[in-house]
Amino acid sequence: MENAFYHLNRNGLDTLSVLSVARKNPENFKGPASRSGYLALLAAILGLFTAALGKLIVWIGLTVMQLAFFGKFFYSGDTPADSELGALLLLIPIAGTALFLLLTRTGKYGLKIPALLAATGTGASLGWEAPVMLTGGAFATHLRKLLRISEAEVSIFIITGLCSGLAWYFNAPLAAVLLGLEVLLPAWTLMTLLPLITGVAATWALKAWWEGTEPFFTMGTGPGGNVPALLAYMVIGILIGLLAVLLVKASRRLERLFDRLGARNRWWLLLTAVPVAVIGYWSPDTLGPGERYGSFLLQAHVTLQLLTVLSLLKMIVWLFFSAGNKTGTTVMPLLLMGGATGLLLAVIIQLVAPAVIINPVMAALIGMCAMFAGISRGLFTAVVLVLELTHCLPAGIPAGLAAVAAYGVSFPLLKNKRPRPEAGNAVL
């Protein structure tokens, strides 16, 4: 059965750009139902493989970050913002991008994982979840003949692996399945749904057994909901939806620009690291994933300066690097940029209309939800994701309203279908 959601949501940006290659032929997702059981079993094995290697992959990334910014081998909780390298800090993102370009020049799937680790560990505004989300697909790609799966079926495992990695990293299995159903799968068939569900379930089960089911972010409390506040949250959703439109269009224009530059000489793509280096030198809080700021935002323990850094400066470095190098959006940057923008807009609304009692914690959460819905086009995924990230069920209504507002205002403005790049043109 054709997935109507997929066709409606094609106008967003991919979470990881390997999706463009995996989905370039919708026929890849149609096949005999008799293969479904075997594919589901393999998906469960790949899910366990993703969960088993996830911690190692993130540890390697953190080690790269420690070596690059502190010259230490063991991670001690420091982030690039704590570095005291001075002007030398300008060289680290450029060196990391050079390594990224070297690793991805052949287009081999397996090298995309260390490439993302190198880029993120040297300051690129991506997320540690990205290399984990590639693990299952890399395993299936390189063992295709041994596993007796067709090239078409590898596409299913690439998407299943992405969803499994999301479930593992953020402890969000329901959002991971919804992402596949809403955005990633061109068709709903037994051959696609069974592997997706079993893969995600296996990954999350092992994660829960090892580490428990604690929320990814720690969320604070604040004043309860009221009608004026809900209207304010919808306004925030609308404004972030408009911002998402600008980001999607800017991303596509930058991608075309760097495509032309890269066609002349691949090393022109080092220019994508210049904003990362310059802005990172001026404001080190923009360097790396910055996931610790998620809980800061959701407890409203931030300064106006940090809100500006996360909502504007981090947006610039993310936009240049992700568009120029075709990494895809990844998830963590959208959450941080959205949360900071939501909280900043709440401050402005509170100044303009002081009688409206807005919960700043809720404003940050709905900002995350609205930004994810506006850019990735995963409406239901966005709502469920923020609920699983925080375990805050009362946030469902305001988050849902903001997500609908962001999705609704951005949908008609992004009605043109995004182009499908050829496999040879996608870096990741």
Protein backbone atom coordinates (compact mmCIF):
# COMPACT_ATOMS: atom_id res chain seq x y z
CA MET A 1 0.00 0.00 0.00
CA GLU A 2 1.37 3.41 -0.99
CA ASN A 3 2.18 5.61 2.00
CA ALA A 4 0.19 8.85 1.63
CA PHE A 5 2.10 10.45 4.52
CA TYR A 6 5.39 9.92 2.69
CA HIS A 7 4.19 11.79 -0.39
CA LEU A 8 2.77 14.62 1.73
CA ASN A 9 5.95 14.95 3.77
CA ARG A 10 8.54 14.74 1.02
CA ASN A 11 9.02 18.51 1.10
CA GLY A 12 11.10 18.46 4.30
CA LEU A 13 14.79 17.84 4.87
CA ASP A 14 16.14 14.34 5.39
CA THR A 15 17.32 13.37 8.86
CA LEU A 16 20.33 11.73 7.20
CA SER A 17 21.05 12.10 3.51
CA VAL A 18 21.47 8.35 2.93
CA LEU A 19 17.67 8.37 2.83
CA SER A 20 17.69 10.02 -0.58
CA VAL A 21 19.60 7.09 -2.00
CA ALA A 22 17.68 4.41 -0.10
CA ARG A 23 14.32 5.71 -1.31
CA LYS A 24 15.17 6.68 -4.88
CA ASN A 25 13.23 3.71 -6.24
CA PRO A 26 9.82 3.06 -4.61
CA GLU A 27 9.82 -0.43 -6.13
CA ASN A 28 12.49 -1.31 -3.54
CA PHE A 29 9.73 -1.47 -0.95
CA LYS A 30 7.53 -3.96 -2.69
CA GLY A 31 8.18 -7.67 -2.55
CA PRO A 32 6.77 -11.07 -1.63
CA ALA A 33 5.22 -11.34 1.81
CA SER A 34 7.01 -14.68 2.20
CA ARG A 35 10.26 -12.76 2.76
CA SER A 36 8.81 -10.72 5.63
CA GLY A 37 9.60 -13.23 8.39
CA TYR A 38 13.23 -13.60 7.32
CA LEU A 39 13.65 -9.83 6.97
CA ALA A 40 12.08 -9.29 10.40
CA LEU A 41 14.51 -11.76 11.97
CA LEU A 42 17.46 -10.00 10.33
CA ALA A 43 16.07 -6.63 11.44
CA ALA A 44 15.95 -7.84 15.05
CA ILE A 45 19.57 -9.01 14.79
CA LEU A 46 20.61 -5.68 13.24
CA GLY A 47 18.71 -3.88 16.00
CA LEU A 48 20.63 -5.77 18.68
CA PHE A 49 23.83 -5.05 16.77
CA THR A 50 23.00 -1.32 16.78
CA ALA A 51 22.31 -1.33 20.52
CA ALA A 52 25.46 -3.30 21.28
CA LEU A 53 27.71 -0.97 19.26
CA GLY A 54 25.93 2.28 20.04
CA LYS A 55 27.77 2.97 23.28
CA LEU A 56 31.12 2.16 21.67
CA ILE A 57 30.43 4.50 18.74
CA VAL A 58 29.50 7.39 21.03
CA TRP A 59 32.55 6.70 23.22
CA ILE A 60 34.80 6.88 20.16
CA GLY A 61 33.23 10.20 19.20
CA LEU A 62 33.71 11.64 22.68
CA THR A 63 37.32 10.42 22.65
CA VAL A 64 37.91 12.20 19.33
CA MET A 65 36.49 15.37 20.90
CA GLN A 66 38.75 15.06 23.95
CA LEU A 67 41.83 14.53 21.81
CA ALA A 68 40.97 17.40 19.48
CA PHE A 69 40.13 20.06 22.06
CA PHE A 70 42.02 18.94 25.19
CA GLY A 71 44.74 16.50 24.11
CA LYS A 72 43.29 13.89 26.49
CA PHE A 73 42.40 10.33 25.64
CA PHE A 74 39.75 9.70 28.29
CA TYR A 75 36.47 11.60 28.36
CA SER A 76 36.05 13.57 31.58
CA GLY A 77 32.84 15.46 30.87
CA ASP A 78 34.51 18.45 29.22
CA THR A 79 32.98 20.01 26.11
CA PRO A 80 34.55 22.26 23.46
CA ALA A 81 33.15 25.26 25.34
CA ASP A 82 35.62 24.44 28.15
CA SER A 83 38.64 24.44 25.83
CA GLU A 84 41.44 26.98 26.32
CA LEU A 85 43.18 26.56 22.98
CA GLY A 86 42.70 30.16 21.93
CA ALA A 87 43.34 30.85 18.25
CA LEU A 88 44.37 27.23 17.64
CA LEU A 89 40.71 26.34 18.03
CA LEU A 90 40.14 27.80 14.54
CA LEU A 91 42.08 24.93 12.98
CA ILE A 92 40.22 22.03 14.60
CA PRO A 93 36.91 22.19 12.67
CA ILE A 94 38.78 22.69 9.40
CA ALA A 95 41.01 19.68 10.08
CA GLY A 96 37.96 17.61 11.03
CA THR A 97 36.14 18.59 7.85
CA ALA A 98 39.20 17.66 5.78
CA LEU A 99 39.16 14.21 7.38
CA PHE A 100 35.41 14.00 6.76
CA LEU A 101 35.95 14.75 3.06
CA LEU A 102 38.72 12.16 2.79
CA LEU A 103 36.59 9.45 4.37
CA THR A 104 33.52 10.17 2.25
CA ARG A 105 35.22 10.70 -1.12
CA THR A 106 34.58 7.10 -2.24
CA GLY A 107 30.95 7.03 -1.10
CA LYS A 108 31.40 3.76 0.80
CA TYR A 109 28.67 3.35 3.40
CA GLY A 110 30.91 1.94 6.12
CA LEU A 111 33.19 4.99 6.08
CA LYS A 112 30.29 7.34 6.76
CA ILE A 113 30.27 6.36 10.42
CA PRO A 114 33.88 7.39 11.20
CA ALA A 115 33.41 10.44 8.94
CA LEU A 116 30.50 11.69 11.05
CA LEU A 117 32.40 10.92 14.26
CA ALA A 118 35.37 12.93 13.00
CA ALA A 119 33.23 15.90 11.98
CA THR A 120 31.14 15.97 15.15
CA GLY A 121 34.16 15.38 17.39
CA THR A 122 35.94 18.38 15.89
CA GLY A 123 33.06 20.79 16.36
CA ALA A 124 30.48 20.31 13.59
CA SER A 125 26.96 21.00 14.80
CA LEU A 126 25.62 17.49 14.33
CA GLY A 127 24.54 14.85 16.85
CA TRP A 128 26.11 11.66 18.19
CA GLU A 129 22.93 9.86 17.19
CA ALA A 130 23.84 10.19 13.48
CA PRO A 131 26.65 7.58 13.30
CA VAL A 132 24.63 5.21 15.51
CA MET A 133 21.68 5.49 13.13
CA LEU A 134 23.91 4.35 10.26
CA THR A 135 25.14 1.20 12.00
CA GLY A 136 22.40 -1.25 11.01
CA GLY A 137 22.38 -0.10 7.40
CA ALA A 138 26.17 -0.39 7.17
CA PHE A 139 26.03 -3.92 8.52
CA ALA A 140 23.38 -4.94 5.95
CA THR A 141 25.17 -3.20 3.08
CA HIS A 142 28.49 -4.93 3.63
CA LEU A 143 27.04 -8.37 4.37
CA ARG A 144 24.36 -8.31 1.68
CA LYS A 145 25.58 -11.44 -0.11
CA LEU A 146 26.16 -13.37 3.10
CA LEU A 147 22.70 -12.46 4.40
CA ARG A 148 21.12 -13.33 1.04
CA ILE A 149 19.23 -10.09 0.71
CA SER A 150 18.74 -8.10 -2.46
CA GLU A 151 19.96 -4.59 -3.05
CA ALA A 152 16.35 -3.48 -2.83
CA GLU A 153 15.96 -5.08 0.61
CA VAL A 154 19.07 -3.24 1.80
CA SER A 155 17.03 -0.03 1.46
CA ILE A 156 14.58 -1.39 4.01
CA PHE A 157 17.42 -2.13 6.43
CA ILE A 158 18.92 1.33 5.96
CA ILE A 159 15.64 2.90 7.07
CA THR A 160 15.14 0.33 9.82
CA GLY A 161 18.67 1.03 11.05
CA LEU A 162 18.03 4.76 11.14
CA CYS A 163 14.89 4.29 13.21
CA SER A 164 16.57 1.75 15.50
CA GLY A 165 19.45 4.16 16.14
CA LEU A 166 17.01 6.93 16.99
CA ALA A 167 15.19 4.63 19.41
CA TRP A 168 18.46 3.63 21.06
CA TYR A 169 20.02 7.06 21.45
CA PHE A 170 16.98 8.99 22.64
CA ASN A 171 15.18 6.10 24.35
CA ALA A 172 12.24 6.87 22.07
CA PRO A 173 10.94 3.70 20.36
CA LEU A 174 7.45 4.98 19.53
CA ALA A 175 8.82 8.13 17.89
CA ALA A 176 11.29 5.98 15.94
CA VAL A 177 8.52 3.80 14.50
CA LEU A 178 6.40 6.86 13.71
CA LEU A 179 9.32 8.46 11.86
CA GLY A 180 9.46 5.43 9.62
CA LEU A 181 5.70 5.42 9.07
CA GLU A 182 5.30 9.15 8.52
CA VAL A 183 8.41 10.23 6.67
CA LEU A 184 10.73 7.44 5.57
CA LEU A 185 8.80 4.53 4.05
CA PRO A 186 7.28 5.14 0.59
CA ALA A 187 5.01 2.10 1.04
CA TRP A 188 3.41 0.25 3.93
CA THR A 189 3.67 -3.46 3.30
CA LEU A 190 4.33 -6.47 5.47
CA MET A 191 7.81 -6.50 3.97
CA THR A 192 8.54 -2.98 5.29
CA LEU A 193 6.50 -2.73 8.50
CA LEU A 194 7.53 -5.99 10.13
CA PRO A 195 11.31 -5.34 9.90
CA LEU A 196 10.83 -1.75 11.05
CA ILE A 197 8.87 -2.71 14.16
CA THR A 198 11.01 -5.72 15.13
CA GLY A 199 14.26 -3.84 14.55
CA VAL A 200 13.22 -0.90 16.73
CA ALA A 201 11.76 -3.19 19.41
CA ALA A 202 14.94 -5.27 19.63
CA THR A 203 17.15 -2.19 19.87
CA TRP A 204 15.06 -0.53 22.55
CA ALA A 205 14.63 -3.74 24.56
CA LEU A 206 18.40 -4.19 24.86
CA LYS A 207 18.83 -0.51 25.67
CA ALA A 208 16.16 -0.68 28.40
CA TRP A 209 17.71 -3.83 29.87
CA TRP A 210 21.18 -2.29 30.03
CA GLU A 211 20.44 1.31 30.95
CA GLY A 212 16.80 1.56 32.00
CA THR A 213 14.13 3.82 30.58
CA GLU A 214 14.99 7.17 32.14
CA PRO A 215 14.06 10.26 30.08
CA PHE A 216 16.81 11.68 27.88
CA PHE A 217 16.27 15.26 29.10
CA THR A 218 15.48 16.46 32.60
CA MET A 219 12.52 18.82 32.49
CA GLY A 220 11.65 21.43 35.08
CA THR A 221 8.24 22.64 36.21
CA GLY A 222 6.38 25.90 35.89
CA PRO A 223 2.95 27.49 35.92
CA GLY A 224 0.10 25.35 34.67
CA GLY A 225 -1.60 25.71 31.32
CA ASN A 226 -4.28 28.27 30.54
CA VAL A 227 -6.05 29.42 27.38
CA PRO A 228 -3.95 32.58 26.79
CA ALA A 229 -0.78 30.52 27.25
CA LEU A 230 -1.99 27.89 24.76
CA LEU A 231 -2.64 30.66 22.24
CA ALA A 232 0.87 31.98 22.88
CA TYR A 233 2.30 28.51 22.30
CA MET A 234 0.47 28.33 18.97
CA VAL A 235 1.95 31.69 17.99
CA ILE A 236 5.38 30.30 18.84
CA GLY A 237 4.61 27.26 16.70
CA ILE A 238 3.57 29.45 13.75
CA LEU A 239 6.71 31.59 13.99
CA ILE A 240 8.97 28.55 14.22
CA GLY A 241 7.10 27.03 11.26
CA LEU A 242 7.95 30.14 9.21
CA LEU A 243 11.55 29.91 10.39
CA ALA A 244 11.62 26.25 9.34
CA VAL A 245 10.56 27.28 5.82
CA LEU A 246 13.44 29.75 5.64
CA LEU A 247 15.89 27.11 6.88
CA VAL A 248 14.72 24.47 4.39
CA LYS A 249 14.93 26.89 1.46
CA ALA A 250 18.30 28.24 2.59
CA SER A 251 19.60 24.69 2.99
CA ARG A 252 18.63 23.79 -0.57
CA ARG A 253 20.21 26.91 -2.01
CA LEU A 254 23.43 26.34 -0.10
CA GLU A 255 23.43 22.72 -1.22
CA ARG A 256 23.20 23.79 -4.86
CA LEU A 257 25.97 26.35 -4.34
CA PHE A 258 28.35 23.84 -2.78
CA ASP A 259 27.41 21.26 -5.42
CA ARG A 260 28.77 23.63 -8.04
CA LEU A 261 31.89 24.36 -6.04
CA GLY A 262 32.46 20.69 -5.23
CA ALA A 263 32.11 19.76 -8.90
CA ARG A 264 35.12 21.94 -9.68
CA ASN A 265 37.22 20.77 -6.75
CA ARG A 266 36.03 18.77 -3.76
CA TRP A 267 38.27 20.74 -1.40
CA TRP A 268 36.11 23.82 -1.88
CA LEU A 269 33.83 22.11 0.63
CA LEU A 270 36.32 23.04 3.33
CA LEU A 271 34.57 26.42 3.21
CA THR A 272 31.70 24.79 5.11
CA ALA A 273 34.00 24.56 8.12
CA VAL A 274 34.86 28.26 8.14
CA PRO A 275 31.63 29.40 9.88
CA VAL A 276 32.04 26.52 12.34
CA ALA A 277 35.59 27.62 13.16
CA VAL A 278 35.07 31.39 13.25
CA ILE A 279 31.79 31.37 15.17
CA GLY A 280 33.11 28.54 17.38
CA TYR A 281 36.16 30.64 18.28
CA TRP A 282 33.94 33.56 19.16
CA SER A 283 31.29 31.41 20.89
CA PRO A 284 32.52 27.87 21.77
CA ASP A 285 29.01 26.89 22.92
CA THR A 286 28.16 26.35 19.23
CA LEU A 287 30.77 23.59 18.82
CA GLY A 288 29.79 19.92 18.81
CA PRO A 289 26.41 18.36 19.63
CA GLY A 290 25.85 20.44 22.77
CA GLU A 291 23.27 18.03 24.12
CA ARG A 292 23.82 19.15 27.71
CA TYR A 293 22.07 22.38 26.79
CA GLY A 294 18.85 20.46 26.14
CA SER A 295 18.23 19.95 29.85
CA PHE A 296 19.33 23.53 30.55
CA LEU A 297 16.66 24.78 28.15
CA LEU A 298 14.01 22.48 29.61
CA GLN A 299 14.74 23.82 33.09
CA ALA A 300 14.99 27.44 31.89
CA HIS A 301 18.49 27.63 33.37
CA VAL A 302 19.91 29.71 30.53
CA THR A 303 21.01 33.28 29.95
CA LEU A 304 19.76 35.52 27.16
CA GLN A 305 23.23 35.28 25.62
CA LEU A 306 23.09 31.48 25.49
CA LEU A 307 19.61 31.60 23.97
CA THR A 308 20.94 33.86 21.21
CA VAL A 309 23.92 31.56 20.65
CA LEU A 310 21.77 28.42 20.36
CA SER A 311 18.95 29.98 18.34
CA LEU A 312 21.00 32.04 15.89
CA LEU A 313 24.71 31.24 15.82
CA LYS A 314 24.31 27.48 16.11
CA MET A 315 21.69 27.69 13.38
CA ILE A 316 24.22 29.31 11.05
CA VAL A 317 27.00 26.77 11.61
CA TRP A 318 24.53 23.88 11.35
CA LEU A 319 23.06 25.23 8.14
CA PHE A 320 26.40 25.68 6.34
CA PHE A 321 27.94 22.38 7.39
CA SER A 322 24.90 20.14 6.94
CA ALA A 323 23.85 21.67 3.60
CA GLY A 324 27.34 21.90 2.15
CA ASN A 325 28.37 18.37 3.12
CA LYS A 326 24.92 16.77 2.69
CA THR A 327 24.94 15.16 6.13
CA GLY A 328 21.23 15.58 6.66
CA THR A 329 19.75 17.54 9.53
CA THR A 330 20.36 14.96 12.31
CA VAL A 331 18.08 15.30 15.34
CA MET A 332 19.98 16.97 18.19
CA PRO A 333 20.59 20.31 16.41
CA LEU A 334 16.88 20.64 15.61
CA LEU A 335 15.97 20.06 19.26
CA LEU A 336 18.47 22.61 20.57
CA MET A 337 17.74 25.27 17.97
CA GLY A 338 14.01 24.79 18.39
CA GLY A 339 14.15 24.81 22.18
CA ALA A 340 16.24 27.98 22.30
CA THR A 341 14.06 29.73 19.71
CA GLY A 342 10.87 28.75 21.56
CA LEU A 343 12.20 30.06 24.85
CA LEU A 344 13.48 33.28 23.25
CA LEU A 345 10.09 33.91 21.61
CA ALA A 346 8.39 33.28 24.95
CA VAL A 347 10.56 35.98 26.53
CA ILE A 348 9.55 38.41 23.79
CA ILE A 349 5.85 37.54 24.10
CA GLN A 350 6.07 37.96 27.88
CA LEU A 351 7.54 41.44 27.42
CA VAL A 352 4.85 42.43 24.91
CA ALA A 353 1.95 40.86 26.83
CA PRO A 354 2.96 40.59 30.51
CA ALA A 355 -0.56 39.53 31.51
CA VAL A 356 -0.10 36.20 29.69
CA ILE A 357 1.45 33.66 32.07
CA ILE A 358 3.79 31.52 29.96
CA ASN A 359 5.69 28.54 31.30
CA PRO A 360 9.25 29.00 29.95
CA VAL A 361 9.96 25.29 30.33
CA MET A 362 6.95 24.45 28.18
CA ALA A 363 7.97 27.10 25.64
CA ALA A 364 11.34 25.39 25.20
CA LEU A 365 9.69 21.99 24.78
CA ILE A 366 7.16 23.16 22.20
CA GLY A 367 9.98 24.94 20.39
CA MET A 368 11.77 21.61 20.02
CA CYS A 369 8.58 19.98 18.83
CA ALA A 370 7.70 22.72 16.34
CA MET A 371 11.19 22.88 14.81
CA PHE A 372 11.33 19.12 14.31
CA ALA A 373 7.83 19.05 12.78
CA GLY A 374 8.52 22.03 10.53
CA ILE A 375 11.83 20.81 9.10
CA SER A 376 11.52 17.01 9.10
CA ARG A 377 7.75 17.04 8.34
CA GLY A 378 7.16 14.38 10.98
CA LEU A 379 4.14 15.86 12.73
CA PHE A 380 3.14 12.94 14.97
CA THR A 381 6.77 11.93 15.36
CA ALA A 382 7.64 15.34 16.76
CA VAL A 383 4.94 15.24 19.43
CA VAL A 384 5.70 11.69 20.56
CA LEU A 385 9.45 12.35 20.48
CA VAL A 386 9.33 15.26 22.94
CA LEU A 387 7.02 13.28 25.23
CA GLU A 388 9.42 10.32 25.24
CA LEU A 389 12.41 12.61 25.72
CA THR A 390 10.93 14.09 28.89
CA HIS A 391 8.20 11.66 30.08
CA CYS A 392 6.04 14.75 30.55
CA LEU A 393 2.58 13.65 29.40
CA PRO A 394 0.82 16.96 30.30
CA ALA A 395 2.93 18.55 27.56
CA GLY A 396 1.01 16.59 24.93
CA ILE A 397 -1.69 19.20 24.23
CA PRO A 398 0.53 22.33 24.00
CA ALA A 399 3.20 20.43 22.07
CA GLY A 400 0.58 19.04 19.72
CA LEU A 401 -0.93 22.47 19.08
CA ALA A 402 2.48 24.00 18.40
CA ALA A 403 3.46 21.15 16.09
CA VAL A 404 0.21 21.44 14.12
CA ALA A 405 0.74 25.20 13.85
CA ALA A 406 4.32 24.82 12.62
CA TYR A 407 3.43 22.02 10.21
CA GLY A 408 0.33 23.80 8.93
CA VAL A 409 2.02 27.11 8.19
CA SER A 410 5.08 25.53 6.56
CA PHE A 411 3.23 22.95 4.46
CA PRO A 412 1.83 25.30 1.77
CA LEU A 413 5.10 27.27 1.67
CA LEU A 414 7.08 24.09 0.97
CA LYS A 415 4.62 22.52 -1.43
CA ASN A 416 7.18 21.88 -4.17
CA LYS A 417 8.61 18.39 -4.05
CA ARG A 418 12.24 18.30 -3.11
CA PRO A 419 14.56 16.91 -5.79
CA ARG A 420 15.76 13.34 -5.51
CA PRO A 421 19.56 13.34 -5.96
CA GLU A 422 21.20 10.52 -7.80
CA ALA A 423 23.12 8.03 -5.70
CA GLY A 424 26.43 9.30 -7.03
CA ASN A 425 25.73 12.84 -5.94
CA ALA A 426 25.00 12.12 -2.27
CA VAL A 427 27.93 12.29 0.10
CA LEU A 428 26.13 10.44 2.86
